[in-house]
Structure formats: C-alpha cells, structure tokens
C-alpha cells in the first residue's frame, strides 16, 4: 500500500510541492490514516494544514480509497531551529 501511496505522491503531489520548494514524506499508514511530514519550504508553513487537506488528502484518497484521511505531523525543521538559534545568539541578518 505504501508503494501505491508513493506513486500517487510522485505523480500528483510532489510536482506541486517542488514548485514551492517543498517535499512530502509518507511516514506511516494505520487504520486508513496516512501520516505525512512536509519538508523543505513547506515545513512549518502557515498553509501546511491547508496544503495537506486540499492537495495531499484529496489526491491520495481519490486514488486509493483505503486511505480515509491524511494527517500532517507538525514539526519544526532542524534548519529552522538553527536559524532561530543563530538569531538568539545575535548572529542573525544585519548583526555583526
């Protein structure tokens, strides 16, 4: 089943996300619920939930009826955390 999901993501979802500098990772499938993680520019984006509901869930559930729901695992990327740490250390843009 995960192989079918990856095919749908490759064909119908990733091209859209790549256009925005993002990526999606299918993490797990249990009881018809697919858990995904958004990566790249899509990670932590304010529109991430909307992207998941309107694009990923629509495409995957339409192509694979056994998948009933797609849930976004919300995390802060390590890159974003490092940028925040640099700002807090006074190393952000415009600071010596």
PDB file of N, CA and C in Angstrom:
ATOM      1  N   UNK A   1       0.817  -1.196   0.000  1.00  0.00           N
ATOM      2  CA  UNK A   1       0.000   0.000   0.000  1.00  0.00           C
ATOM      3  C   UNK A   1       0.867   1.269   0.000  1.00  0.00           C
ATOM      4  N   UNK A   2       1.945   1.260   0.768  1.00  0.00           N
ATOM      5  CA  UNK A   2       2.815   2.438   0.813  1.00  0.00           C
ATOM      6  C   UNK A   2       3.445   2.704  -0.558  1.00  0.00           C
ATOM      7  N   UNK A   3       3.687   1.650  -1.316  1.00  0.00           N
ATOM      8  CA  UNK A   3       4.237   1.827  -2.656  1.00  0.00           C
ATOM      9  C   UNK A   3       3.232   2.562  -3.552  1.00  0.00           C
ATOM     10  N   UNK A   4       1.961   2.201  -3.441  1.00  0.00           N
ATOM     11  CA  UNK A   4       0.908   2.891  -4.202  1.00  0.00           C
ATOM     12  C   UNK A   4       0.823   4.356  -3.777  1.00  0.00           C
ATOM     13  N   UNK A   5       0.918   4.589  -2.494  1.00  0.00           N
ATOM     14  CA  UNK A   5       0.867   5.964  -1.973  1.00  0.00           C
ATOM     15  C   UNK A   5       2.026   6.773  -2.533  1.00  0.00           C
ATOM     16  N   UNK A   6       3.220   6.194  -2.530  1.00  0.00           N
ATOM     17  CA  UNK A   6       4.396   6.889  -3.065  1.00  0.00           C
ATOM     18  C   UNK A   6       4.204   7.229  -4.545  1.00  0.00           C
ATOM     19  N   UNK A   7       3.592   6.332  -5.295  1.00  0.00           N
ATOM     20  CA  UNK A   7       3.330   6.602  -6.706  1.00  0.00           C
ATOM     21  C   UNK A   7       2.390   7.791  -6.874  1.00  0.00           C
ATOM     22  N   UNK A   8       1.336   7.843  -6.066  1.00  0.00           N
ATOM     23  CA  UNK A   8       0.396   8.965  -6.132  1.00  0.00           C
ATOM     24  C   UNK A   8       1.106  10.258  -5.748  1.00  0.00           C
ATOM     25  N   UNK A   9       1.905  10.200  -4.702  1.00  0.00           N
ATOM     26  CA  UNK A   9       2.647  11.390  -4.280  1.00  0.00           C
ATOM     27  C   UNK A   9       3.591  11.850  -5.390  1.00  0.00           C
ATOM     28  N   UNK A  10       4.300  10.903  -6.007  1.00  0.00           N
ATOM     29  CA  UNK A  10       5.238  11.243  -7.083  1.00  0.00           C
ATOM     30  C   UNK A  10       4.533  11.878  -8.278  1.00  0.00           C
ATOM     31  N   UNK A  11       3.396  11.337  -8.647  1.00  0.00           N
ATOM     32  CA  UNK A  11       2.711  11.775  -9.858  1.00  0.00           C
ATOM     33  C   UNK A  11       1.824  12.994  -9.651  1.00  0.00           C
ATOM     34  N   UNK A  12       1.174  13.098  -8.496  1.00  0.00           N
ATOM     35  CA  UNK A  12       0.127  14.105  -8.335  1.00  0.00           C
ATOM     36  C   UNK A  12       0.400  15.182  -7.287  1.00  0.00           C
ATOM     37  N   UNK A  13       1.309  14.924  -6.361  1.00  0.00           N
ATOM     38  CA  UNK A  13       1.509  15.861  -5.248  1.00  0.00           C
ATOM     39  C   UNK A  13       2.886  16.519  -5.292  1.00  0.00           C
ATOM     40  N   UNK A  14       3.919  15.723  -5.426  1.00  0.00           N
ATOM     41  CA  UNK A  14       5.281  16.267  -5.357  1.00  0.00           C
ATOM     42  C   UNK A  14       5.577  17.327  -6.409  1.00  0.00           C
ATOM     43  N   UNK A  15       5.101  17.175  -7.652  1.00  0.00           N
ATOM     44  CA  UNK A  15       5.377  18.244  -8.619  1.00  0.00           C
ATOM     45  C   UNK A  15       4.875  19.614  -8.142  1.00  0.00           C
ATOM     46  N   UNK A  16       3.712  19.641  -7.524  1.00  0.00           N
ATOM     47  CA  UNK A  16       3.176  20.898  -6.985  1.00  0.00           C
ATOM     48  C   UNK A  16       4.056  21.409  -5.844  1.00  0.00           C
ATOM     49  N   UNK A  17       4.386  20.525  -4.909  1.00  0.00           N
ATOM     50  CA  UNK A  17       5.198  20.942  -3.760  1.00  0.00           C
ATOM     51  C   UNK A  17       6.593  21.382  -4.182  1.00  0.00           C
ATOM     52  N   UNK A  18       7.181  20.687  -5.148  1.00  0.00           N
ATOM     53  CA  UNK A  18       8.517  21.059  -5.628  1.00  0.00           C
ATOM     54  C   UNK A  18       8.514  22.473  -6.207  1.00  0.00           C
ATOM     55  N   UNK A  19       7.393  22.868  -6.819  1.00  0.00           N
ATOM     56  CA  UNK A  19       7.262  24.215  -7.360  1.00  0.00           C
ATOM     57  C   UNK A  19       7.310  25.289  -6.289  1.00  0.00           C
ATOM     58  N   UNK A  20       7.091  24.885  -5.040  1.00  0.00           N
ATOM     59  CA  UNK A  20       7.125  25.808  -3.901  1.00  0.00           C
ATOM     60  C   UNK A  20       8.330  25.549  -3.000  1.00  0.00           C
ATOM     61  N   UNK A  21       9.265  24.721  -3.490  1.00  0.00           N
ATOM     62  CA  UNK A  21      10.461  24.422  -2.703  1.00  0.00           C
ATOM     63  C   UNK A  21      10.215  23.430  -1.588  1.00  0.00           C
ATOM     64  N   UNK A  22       9.153  22.632  -1.714  1.00  0.00           N
ATOM     65  CA  UNK A  22       8.799  21.711  -0.647  1.00  0.00           C
ATOM     66  C   UNK A  22       8.844  20.260  -1.062  1.00  0.00           C
ATOM     67  N   UNK A  23       8.549  19.413  -0.104  1.00  0.00           N
ATOM     68  CA  UNK A  23       8.568  17.967  -0.299  1.00  0.00           C
ATOM     69  C   UNK A  23       7.619  17.357   0.730  1.00  0.00           C
ATOM     70  N   UNK A  24       7.192  16.133   0.465  1.00  0.00           N
ATOM     71  CA  UNK A  24       6.342  15.408   1.404  1.00  0.00           C
ATOM     72  C   UNK A  24       6.944  14.032   1.641  1.00  0.00           C
ATOM     73  N   UNK A  25       6.863  13.582   2.883  1.00  0.00           N
ATOM     74  CA  UNK A  25       7.337  12.258   3.266  1.00  0.00           C
ATOM     75  C   UNK A  25       6.161  11.496   3.863  1.00  0.00           C
ATOM     76  N   UNK A  26       5.840  10.333   3.295  1.00  0.00           N
ATOM     77  CA  UNK A  26       4.814   9.463   3.863  1.00  0.00           C
ATOM     78  C   UNK A  26       5.463   8.708   5.014  1.00  0.00           C
ATOM     79  N   UNK A  27       4.976   8.917   6.227  1.00  0.00           N
ATOM     80  CA  UNK A  27       5.608   8.357   7.415  1.00  0.00           C
ATOM     81  C   UNK A  27       5.009   7.010   7.796  1.00  0.00           C
ATOM     82  N   UNK A  28       3.667   6.931   7.855  1.00  0.00           N
ATOM     83  CA  UNK A  28       3.037   5.684   8.262  1.00  0.00           C
ATOM     84  C   UNK A  28       1.592   5.631   7.788  1.00  0.00           C
ATOM     85  N   UNK A  29       1.068   4.428   7.738  1.00  0.00           N
ATOM     86  CA  UNK A  29      -0.332   4.198   7.396  1.00  0.00           C
ATOM     87  C   UNK A  29      -0.886   3.205   8.398  1.00  0.00           C
ATOM     88  N   UNK A  30      -1.934   3.617   9.101  1.00  0.00           N
ATOM     89  CA  UNK A  30      -2.541   2.750  10.103  1.00  0.00           C
ATOM     90  C   UNK A  30      -4.032   3.019  10.162  1.00  0.00           C
ATOM     91  N   UNK A  31      -4.830   1.970  10.024  1.00  0.00           N
ATOM     92  CA  UNK A  31      -6.290   2.072  10.090  1.00  0.00           C
ATOM     93  C   UNK A  31      -6.841   3.115   9.118  1.00  0.00           C
ATOM     94  N   UNK A  32      -6.282   3.185   7.924  1.00  0.00           N
ATOM     95  CA  UNK A  32      -6.767   4.108   6.905  1.00  0.00           C
ATOM     96  C   UNK A  32      -6.314   5.543   7.082  1.00  0.00           C
ATOM     97  N   UNK A  33      -5.445   5.795   8.049  1.00  0.00           N
ATOM     98  CA  UNK A  33      -4.934   7.148   8.299  1.00  0.00           C
ATOM     99  C   UNK A  33      -3.463   7.203   7.881  1.00  0.00           C
ATOM    100  N   UNK A  34      -3.191   8.032   6.889  1.00  0.00           N
ATOM    101  CA  UNK A  34      -1.824   8.239   6.410  1.00  0.00           C
ATOM    102  C   UNK A  34      -1.232   9.442   7.120  1.00  0.00           C
ATOM    103  N   UNK A  35      -0.094   9.246   7.738  1.00  0.00           N
ATOM    104  CA  UNK A  35       0.606  10.346   8.405  1.00  0.00           C
ATOM    105  C   UNK A  35       1.742  10.796   7.497  1.00  0.00           C
ATOM    106  N   UNK A  36       1.795  12.108   7.264  1.00  0.00           N
ATOM    107  CA  UNK A  36       2.811  12.675   6.381  1.00  0.00           C
ATOM    108  C   UNK A  36       3.548  13.798   7.087  1.00  0.00           C
ATOM    109  N   UNK A  37       4.737  14.071   6.584  1.00  0.00           N
ATOM    110  CA  UNK A  37       5.556  15.183   7.082  1.00  0.00           C
ATOM    111  C   UNK A  37       5.905  16.045   5.879  1.00  0.00           C
ATOM    112  N   UNK A  38       5.713  17.344   6.009  1.00  0.00           N
ATOM    113  CA  UNK A  38       6.118  18.271   4.958  1.00  0.00           C
ATOM    114  C   UNK A  38       7.544  18.713   5.238  1.00  0.00           C
ATOM    115  N   UNK A  39       8.340  18.802   4.174  1.00  0.00           N
ATOM    116  CA  UNK A  39       9.758  19.142   4.288  1.00  0.00           C
ATOM    117  C   UNK A  39      10.075  20.356   3.423  1.00  0.00           C
ATOM    118  N   UNK A  40      11.283  20.850   3.558  1.00  0.00           N
ATOM    119  CA  UNK A  40      11.709  21.997   2.755  1.00  0.00           C
ATOM    120  C   UNK A  40      10.928  23.248   3.135  1.00  0.00           C
ATOM    121  N   UNK A  41      10.626  24.058   2.135  1.00  0.00           N
ATOM    122  CA  UNK A  41       9.920  25.312   2.391  1.00  0.00           C
ATOM    123  C   UNK A  41       8.515  25.085   2.909  1.00  0.00           C
ATOM    124  N   UNK A  42       7.970  23.899   2.712  1.00  0.00           N
ATOM    125  CA  UNK A  42       6.608  23.609   3.180  1.00  0.00           C
ATOM    126  C   UNK A  42       6.577  23.288   4.669  1.00  0.00           C
ATOM    127  N   UNK A  43       7.714  22.924   5.235  1.00  0.00           N
ATOM    128  CA  UNK A  43       7.777  22.594   6.650  1.00  0.00           C
ATOM    129  C   UNK A  43       7.559  23.849   7.482  1.00  0.00           C
ATOM    130  N   UNK A  44       6.558  23.809   8.322  1.00  0.00           N
ATOM    131  CA  UNK A  44       6.264  24.947   9.183  1.00  0.00           C
ATOM    132  C   UNK A  44       5.541  26.084   8.496  1.00  0.00           C
ATOM    133  N   UNK A  45       5.181  25.915   7.237  1.00  0.00           N
ATOM    134  CA  UNK A  45       4.455  26.954   6.506  1.00  0.00           C
ATOM    135  C   UNK A  45       3.072  27.130   7.114  1.00  0.00           C
ATOM    136  N   UNK A  46       2.594  28.366   7.231  1.00  0.00           N
ATOM    137  CA  UNK A  46       1.249  28.584   7.760  1.00  0.00           C
ATOM    138  C   UNK A  46       0.154  27.902   6.944  1.00  0.00           C
ATOM    139  N   UNK A  47       0.421  27.619   5.692  1.00  0.00           N
ATOM    140  CA  UNK A  47      -0.576  26.959   4.841  1.00  0.00           C
ATOM    141  C   UNK A  47      -0.411  25.445   4.814  1.00  0.00           C
ATOM    142  N   UNK A  48       0.436  24.890   5.654  1.00  0.00           N
ATOM    143  CA  UNK A  48       0.718  23.453   5.618  1.00  0.00           C
ATOM    144  C   UNK A  48      -0.532  22.611   5.846  1.00  0.00           C
ATOM    145  N   UNK A  49      -1.359  22.998   6.783  1.00  0.00           N
ATOM    146  CA  UNK A  49      -2.576  22.233   7.051  1.00  0.00           C
ATOM    147  C   UNK A  49      -3.502  22.287   5.848  1.00  0.00           C
ATOM    148  N   UNK A  50      -3.638  23.447   5.265  1.00  0.00           N
ATOM    149  CA  UNK A  50      -4.479  23.604   4.076  1.00  0.00           C
ATOM    150  C   UNK A  50      -3.920  22.779   2.917  1.00  0.00           C
ATOM    151  N   UNK A  51      -2.619  22.799   2.732  1.00  0.00           N
ATOM    152  CA  UNK A  51      -1.977  22.002   1.688  1.00  0.00           C
ATOM    153  C   UNK A  51      -2.274  20.524   1.898  1.00  0.00           C
ATOM    154  N   UNK A  52      -2.166  20.085   3.134  1.00  0.00           N
ATOM    155  CA  UNK A  52      -2.420  18.675   3.436  1.00  0.00           C
ATOM    156  C   UNK A  52      -3.853  18.306   3.120  1.00  0.00           C
ATOM    157  N   UNK A  53      -4.800  19.123   3.576  1.00  0.00           N
ATOM    158  CA  UNK A  53      -6.210  18.805   3.397  1.00  0.00           C
ATOM    159  C   UNK A  53      -6.655  18.923   1.952  1.00  0.00           C
ATOM    160  N   UNK A  54      -6.251  19.965   1.274  1.00  0.00           N
ATOM    161  CA  UNK A  54      -6.785  20.226  -0.055  1.00  0.00           C
ATOM    162  C   UNK A  54      -6.003  19.576  -1.182  1.00  0.00           C
ATOM    163  N   UNK A  55      -4.762  19.282  -0.974  1.00  0.00           N
ATOM    164  CA  UNK A  55      -3.969  18.718  -2.063  1.00  0.00           C
ATOM    165  C   UNK A  55      -3.612  17.261  -1.780  1.00  0.00           C
ATOM    166  N   UNK A  56      -2.909  17.019  -0.699  1.00  0.00           N
ATOM    167  CA  UNK A  56      -2.425  15.667  -0.438  1.00  0.00           C
ATOM    168  C   UNK A  56      -3.581  14.713  -0.162  1.00  0.00           C
ATOM    169  N   UNK A  57      -4.445  15.077   0.766  1.00  0.00           N
ATOM    170  CA  UNK A  57      -5.547  14.184   1.118  1.00  0.00           C
ATOM    171  C   UNK A  57      -6.473  13.943  -0.070  1.00  0.00           C
ATOM    172  N   UNK A  58      -6.809  14.990  -0.789  1.00  0.00           N
ATOM    173  CA  UNK A  58      -7.699  14.848  -1.938  1.00  0.00           C
ATOM    174  C   UNK A  58      -7.125  13.880  -2.964  1.00  0.00           C
ATOM    175  N   UNK A  59      -5.866  14.045  -3.310  1.00  0.00           N
ATOM    176  CA  UNK A  59      -5.247  13.205  -4.336  1.00  0.00           C
ATOM    177  C   UNK A  59      -5.084  11.759  -3.871  1.00  0.00           C
ATOM    178  N   UNK A  60      -4.588  11.569  -2.653  1.00  0.00           N
ATOM    179  CA  UNK A  60      -4.330  10.218  -2.164  1.00  0.00           C
ATOM    180  C   UNK A  60      -5.640   9.460  -1.943  1.00  0.00           C
ATOM    181  N   UNK A  61      -6.603  10.081  -1.294  1.00  0.00           N
ATOM    182  CA  UNK A  61      -7.875   9.401  -1.009  1.00  0.00           C
ATOM    183  C   UNK A  61      -8.649   9.095  -2.290  1.00  0.00           C
ATOM    184  N   UNK A  62      -8.550   9.964  -3.263  1.00  0.00           N
ATOM    185  CA  UNK A  62      -9.225   9.725  -4.543  1.00  0.00           C
ATOM    186  C   UNK A  62      -8.596   8.526  -5.263  1.00  0.00           C
ATOM    187  N   UNK A  63      -7.287   8.434  -5.244  1.00  0.00           N
ATOM    188  CA  UNK A  63      -6.591   7.363  -5.953  1.00  0.00           C
ATOM    189  C   UNK A  63      -6.602   6.041  -5.182  1.00  0.00           C
ATOM    190  N   UNK A  64      -6.613   6.129  -3.854  1.00  0.00           N
ATOM    191  CA  UNK A  64      -6.538   4.926  -3.011  1.00  0.00           C
ATOM    192  C   UNK A  64      -7.643   4.994  -1.956  1.00  0.00           C
ATOM    193  N   UNK A  65      -8.811   4.422  -2.243  1.00  0.00           N
ATOM    194  CA  UNK A  65      -9.956   4.528  -1.338  1.00  0.00           C
ATOM    195  C   UNK A  65      -9.722   3.946   0.062  1.00  0.00           C
ATOM    196  N   UNK A  66      -8.727   3.063   0.203  1.00  0.00           N
ATOM    197  CA  UNK A  66      -8.432   2.513   1.532  1.00  0.00           C
ATOM    198  C   UNK A  66      -7.880   3.577   2.482  1.00  0.00           C
ATOM    199  N   UNK A  67      -7.319   4.640   1.911  1.00  0.00           N
ATOM    200  CA  UNK A  67      -6.833   5.755   2.726  1.00  0.00           C
ATOM    201  C   UNK A  67      -8.018   6.688   2.961  1.00  0.00           C
ATOM    202  N   UNK A  68      -8.390   6.834   4.209  1.00  0.00           N
ATOM    203  CA  UNK A  68      -9.564   7.634   4.569  1.00  0.00           C
ATOM    204  C   UNK A  68      -9.213   9.058   4.983  1.00  0.00           C
ATOM    205  N   UNK A  69      -7.994   9.231   5.465  1.00  0.00           N
ATOM    206  CA  UNK A  69      -7.597  10.545   5.973  1.00  0.00           C
ATOM    207  C   UNK A  69      -6.084  10.685   5.891  1.00  0.00           C
ATOM    208  N   UNK A  70      -5.634  11.922   5.678  1.00  0.00           N
ATOM    209  CA  UNK A  70      -4.212  12.231   5.705  1.00  0.00           C
ATOM    210  C   UNK A  70      -3.992  13.236   6.830  1.00  0.00           C
ATOM    211  N   UNK A  71      -3.070  12.905   7.723  1.00  0.00           N
ATOM    212  CA  UNK A  71      -2.797  13.733   8.890  1.00  0.00           C
ATOM    213  C   UNK A  71      -1.370  14.258   8.801  1.00  0.00           C
ATOM    214  N   UNK A  72      -1.231  15.541   9.027  1.00  0.00           N
ATOM    215  CA  UNK A  72       0.080  16.185   8.990  1.00  0.00           C
ATOM    216  C   UNK A  72       0.763  16.066  10.340  1.00  0.00           C
ATOM    217  N   UNK A  73       1.984  15.543  10.318  1.00  0.00           N
ATOM    218  CA  UNK A  73       2.828  15.548  11.516  1.00  0.00           C
ATOM    219  C   UNK A  73       3.498  16.902  11.539  1.00  0.00           C
ATOM    220  N   UNK A  74       3.169  17.706  12.519  1.00  0.00           N
ATOM    221  CA  UNK A  74       3.700  19.070  12.563  1.00  0.00           C
ATOM    222  C   UNK A  74       4.948  19.107  13.422  1.00  0.00           C
ATOM    223  N   UNK A  75       6.026  19.482  12.784  1.00  0.00           N
ATOM    224  CA  UNK A  75       7.317  19.604  13.448  1.00  0.00           C
ATOM    225  C   UNK A  75       8.013  20.850  12.936  1.00  0.00           C
ATOM    226  N   UNK A  76       8.972  21.307  13.681  1.00  0.00           N
ATOM    227  CA  UNK A  76       9.819  22.396  13.220  1.00  0.00           C
ATOM    228  C   UNK A  76      11.095  21.765  12.692  1.00  0.00           C
ATOM    229  N   UNK A  77      11.481  22.142  11.481  1.00  0.00           N
ATOM    230  CA  UNK A  77      12.672  21.542  10.869  1.00  0.00           C
ATOM    231  C   UNK A  77      13.930  21.955  11.629  1.00  0.00           C
ATOM    232  N   UNK A  78      14.945  21.120  11.532  1.00  0.00           N
ATOM    233  CA  UNK A  78      16.224  21.407  12.176  1.00  0.00           C
ATOM    234  C   UNK A  78      16.843  22.683  11.602  1.00  0.00           C
ATOM    235  N   UNK A  79      16.668  22.929  10.295  1.00  0.00           N
ATOM    236  CA  UNK A  79      17.188  24.150   9.675  1.00  0.00           C
ATOM    237  C   UNK A  79      16.555  25.386  10.302  1.00  0.00           C
ATOM    238  N   UNK A  80      15.249  25.349  10.492  1.00  0.00           N
ATOM    239  CA  UNK A  80      14.549  26.482  11.081  1.00  0.00           C
ATOM    240  C   UNK A  80      14.982  26.695  12.528  1.00  0.00           C
ATOM    241  N   UNK A  81      15.158  25.610  13.263  1.00  0.00           N
ATOM    242  CA  UNK A  81      15.642  25.725  14.643  1.00  0.00           C
ATOM    243  C   UNK A  81      17.031  26.350  14.687  1.00  0.00           C
ATOM    244  N   UNK A  82      17.898  25.959  13.771  1.00  0.00           N
ATOM    245  CA  UNK A  82      19.257  26.510  13.742  1.00  0.00           C
ATOM    246  C   UNK A  82      19.234  28.003  13.403  1.00  0.00           C
ATOM    247  N   UNK A  83      18.351  28.400  12.489  1.00  0.00           N
ATOM    248  CA  UNK A  83      18.213  29.819  12.166  1.00  0.00           C
ATOM    249  C   UNK A  83      17.755  30.603  13.395  1.00  0.00           C
ATOM    250  N   UNK A  84      16.807  30.054  14.135  1.00  0.00           N
ATOM    251  CA  UNK A  84      16.319  30.723  15.348  1.00  0.00           C
ATOM    252  C   UNK A  84      17.431  30.822  16.387  1.00  0.00           C
ATOM    253  N   UNK A  85      18.205  29.754  16.541  1.00  0.00           N
ATOM    254  CA  UNK A  85      19.325  29.781  17.493  1.00  0.00           C
ATOM    255  C   UNK A  85      20.337  30.866  17.120  1.00  0.00           C
ATOM    256  N   UNK A  86      20.632  30.986  15.824  1.00  0.00           N
ATOM    257  CA  UNK A  86      21.583  31.996  15.362  1.00  0.00           C
ATOM    258  C   UNK A  86      21.070  33.401  15.673  1.00  0.00           C
ATOM    259  N   UNK A  87      19.798  33.629  15.469  1.00  0.00           N
ATOM    260  CA  UNK A  87      19.211  34.941  15.773  1.00  0.00           C
ATOM    261  C   UNK A  87      19.317  35.227  17.261  1.00  0.00           C
ATOM    262  N   UNK A  88      19.005  34.234  18.079  1.00  0.00           N
ATOM    263  CA  UNK A  88      19.080  34.414  19.529  1.00  0.00           C
ATOM    264  C   UNK A  88      20.510  34.649  20.018  1.00  0.00           C
ATOM    265  N   UNK A  89      21.482  34.110  19.286  1.00  0.00           N
ATOM    266  CA  UNK A  89      22.897  34.344  19.642  1.00  0.00           C
ATOM    267  C   UNK A  89      23.382  35.687  19.100  1.00  0.00           C
ATOM    268  N   UNK A  90      22.529  36.392  18.395  1.00  0.00           N
ATOM    269  CA  UNK A  90      22.922  37.679  17.830  1.00  0.00           C
ATOM    270  C   UNK A  90      23.638  37.555  16.515  1.00  0.00           C
ATOM    271  N   UNK A  91      23.467  36.426  15.827  1.00  0.00           N
ATOM    272  CA  UNK A  91      24.155  36.177  14.563  1.00  0.00           C
ATOM    273  C   UNK A  91      23.221  36.310  13.384  1.00  0.00           C
ATOM    274  N   UNK A  92      22.050  36.853  13.605  1.00  0.00           N
ATOM    275  CA  UNK A  92      21.062  36.967  12.532  1.00  0.00           C
ATOM    276  C   UNK A  92      21.446  37.996  11.498  1.00  0.00           C
ATOM    277  N   UNK A  93      20.639  38.143  10.434  1.00  0.00           N
ATOM    278  CA  UNK A  93      20.914  39.114   9.375  1.00  0.00           C
ATOM    279  C   UNK A  93      21.086  40.525   9.939  1.00  0.00           C
ATOM    280  N   UNK A  94      22.107  41.202   9.463  1.00  0.00           N
ATOM    281  CA  UNK A  94      22.346  42.581   9.869  1.00  0.00           C
ATOM    282  C   UNK A  94      23.031  42.737  11.209  1.00  0.00           C
ATOM    283  N   UNK A  95      23.481  41.607  11.785  1.00  0.00           N
ATOM    284  CA  UNK A  95      24.157  41.674  13.087  1.00  0.00           C
ATOM    285  C   UNK A  95      25.571  41.142  12.934  1.00  0.00           C
ATOM    286  N   UNK A  96      26.512  41.961  13.108  1.00  0.00           N
ATOM    287  CA  UNK A  96      27.907  41.689  13.038  1.00  0.00           C
ATOM    288  C   UNK A  96      28.336  40.337  12.847  1.00  0.00           C
TER     289      UNK A  96
END
